Amino acid sequence: MGWQGAAEADLHRLVRQGPGEVTVKLTKDESGGVAFDAVLGDGVVATAKLVAELGRQGFTEVDCGSQAAYPSDAGLQIICSVTKEDSRQFVVATVQDGSGRLKIEAYPAS
């Protein structure tokens, strides 16, 4: 799959899985082709941002599944499998409000 097919697949996946508003900006790149940048709107929790936050908190081998984003519905829980200090754990990230603020709690895997 060339870059156009890959870009189209990425955009399609983001829009299809996106639980909220997605803003897409198309631009002309240096070679005259089309580039895009997609930004999730308010009311959306991006899984990549959650994974990055868990990394900052010292978790490694973070697996939050394949869903790209979740709606910022208060009470929604996102469960991730993680490792910290050579111990396998689960993290439950609970959406606190419509802005997507999360409460993150870790639990032993067994």
Protein backbone atom coordinates (compact mmCIF):
# COMPACT_ATOMS: atom_id res chain seq x y z
CA MET A 1 0.00 0.00 0.00
CA GLY A 2 1.48 3.35 -1.02
CA TRP A 3 1.46 6.47 1.15
CA GLN A 4 -1.91 7.54 -0.28
CA GLY A 5 -3.51 4.23 0.65
CA ALA A 6 -1.91 4.29 4.09
CA ALA A 7 -3.03 7.89 4.72
CA GLU A 8 -6.54 7.09 3.52
CA ALA A 9 -6.69 4.00 5.77
CA ASP A 10 -5.47 6.00 8.80
CA LEU A 11 -8.01 8.76 8.17
CA HIS A 12 -10.83 6.28 7.62
CA ARG A 13 -9.96 4.41 10.86
CA LEU A 14 -9.82 7.65 12.86
CA VAL A 15 -13.14 8.94 11.57
CA ARG A 16 -14.84 5.53 11.86
CA GLN A 17 -13.61 4.86 15.41
CA GLY A 18 -13.71 8.45 16.61
CA PRO A 19 -16.50 8.83 19.17
CA GLY A 20 -16.71 12.59 18.75
CA GLU A 21 -15.83 15.41 16.41
CA VAL A 22 -12.74 15.03 14.24
CA THR A 23 -11.22 18.06 12.51
CA VAL A 24 -9.19 17.21 9.42
CA LYS A 25 -6.82 19.72 7.82
CA LEU A 26 -5.61 18.94 4.30
CA THR A 27 -2.46 20.67 3.05
CA LYS A 28 -0.16 20.45 0.07
CA ASP A 29 3.17 18.91 1.00
CA GLU A 30 6.60 19.83 -0.39
CA SER A 31 6.37 17.33 -3.25
CA GLY A 32 2.95 18.61 -4.35
CA GLY A 33 1.05 15.76 -2.73
CA VAL A 34 -1.66 16.03 -0.11
CA ALA A 35 -0.92 15.72 3.59
CA PHE A 36 -3.46 15.64 6.40
CA ASP A 37 -3.60 16.27 10.10
CA ALA A 38 -6.57 15.04 12.13
CA VAL A 39 -7.37 16.42 15.59
CA LEU A 40 -9.93 14.96 17.97
CA GLY A 41 -12.37 17.51 19.33
CA ASP A 42 -13.47 18.13 22.90
CA GLY A 43 -15.32 15.33 24.61
CA VAL A 44 -12.93 12.66 23.39
CA VAL A 45 -10.26 10.63 25.20
CA ALA A 46 -7.45 9.69 22.81
CA THR A 47 -5.99 6.29 23.65
CA ALA A 48 -2.50 7.43 22.55
CA LYS A 49 -2.59 10.23 25.14
CA LEU A 50 -3.61 7.76 27.86
CA VAL A 51 -0.75 5.43 26.88
CA ALA A 52 1.70 8.37 26.99
CA GLU A 53 0.43 9.42 30.43
CA LEU A 54 0.83 5.90 31.78
CA GLY A 55 4.40 5.89 30.44
CA ARG A 56 5.09 9.15 32.31
CA GLN A 57 3.80 7.46 35.46
CA GLY A 58 6.38 4.69 35.08
CA PHE A 59 4.26 1.99 33.46
CA THR A 60 5.77 0.00 30.58
CA GLU A 61 4.40 -2.57 28.12
CA VAL A 62 1.14 -0.60 28.08
CA ASP A 63 -1.73 -2.21 26.14
CA CYS A 64 -5.02 -0.32 26.11
CA GLY A 65 -6.46 -2.18 23.12
CA SER A 66 -6.90 -1.08 19.54
CA GLN A 67 -9.65 1.51 19.89
CA ALA A 68 -8.23 4.92 18.89
CA ALA A 69 -10.47 7.03 21.14
CA TYR A 70 -13.37 6.94 23.57
CA PRO A 71 -16.18 9.37 24.33
CA SER A 72 -15.72 11.53 27.43
CA ASP A 73 -18.73 10.01 29.17
CA ALA A 74 -18.40 10.35 32.95
CA GLY A 75 -17.96 6.93 34.51
CA LEU A 76 -16.66 5.24 31.36
CA GLN A 77 -13.74 2.94 32.21
CA ILE A 78 -10.79 2.14 29.97
CA ILE A 79 -8.85 -0.92 31.10
CA CYS A 80 -5.18 -1.30 30.18
CA SER A 81 -2.68 -4.08 30.81
CA VAL A 82 0.65 -2.66 32.02
CA THR A 83 3.95 -3.57 33.66
CA LYS A 84 5.57 -1.67 36.52
CA GLU A 85 8.70 -2.79 38.33
CA ASP A 86 8.56 -6.20 36.58
CA SER A 87 5.04 -6.80 37.87
CA ARG A 88 2.08 -7.24 35.51
CA GLN A 89 -0.85 -5.03 36.51
CA PHE A 90 -4.10 -3.63 35.22
CA VAL A 91 -4.88 0.06 35.08
CA VAL A 92 -8.43 1.35 35.14
CA ALA A 93 -8.75 4.87 33.73
CA THR A 94 -12.17 6.27 34.66
CA VAL A 95 -13.51 9.32 32.81
CA GLN A 96 -14.39 11.94 35.42
CA ASP A 97 -16.24 14.48 33.27
CA GLY A 98 -17.05 15.62 29.74
CA SER A 99 -13.64 17.25 29.34
CA GLY A 100 -11.99 13.83 29.41
CA ARG A 101 -10.23 14.18 32.78
CA LEU A 102 -9.21 10.70 33.96
CA LYS A 103 -8.77 9.04 37.35
CA ILE A 104 -6.08 6.36 36.99
CA GLU A 105 -5.89 3.42 39.39
CA ALA A 106 -3.60 0.37 39.20
CA TYR A 107 -4.46 -3.15 40.38
CA PRO A 108 -2.41 -6.37 40.59
CA ALA A 109 -3.00 -8.80 37.72
CA SER A 110 -3.72 -11.72 40.03
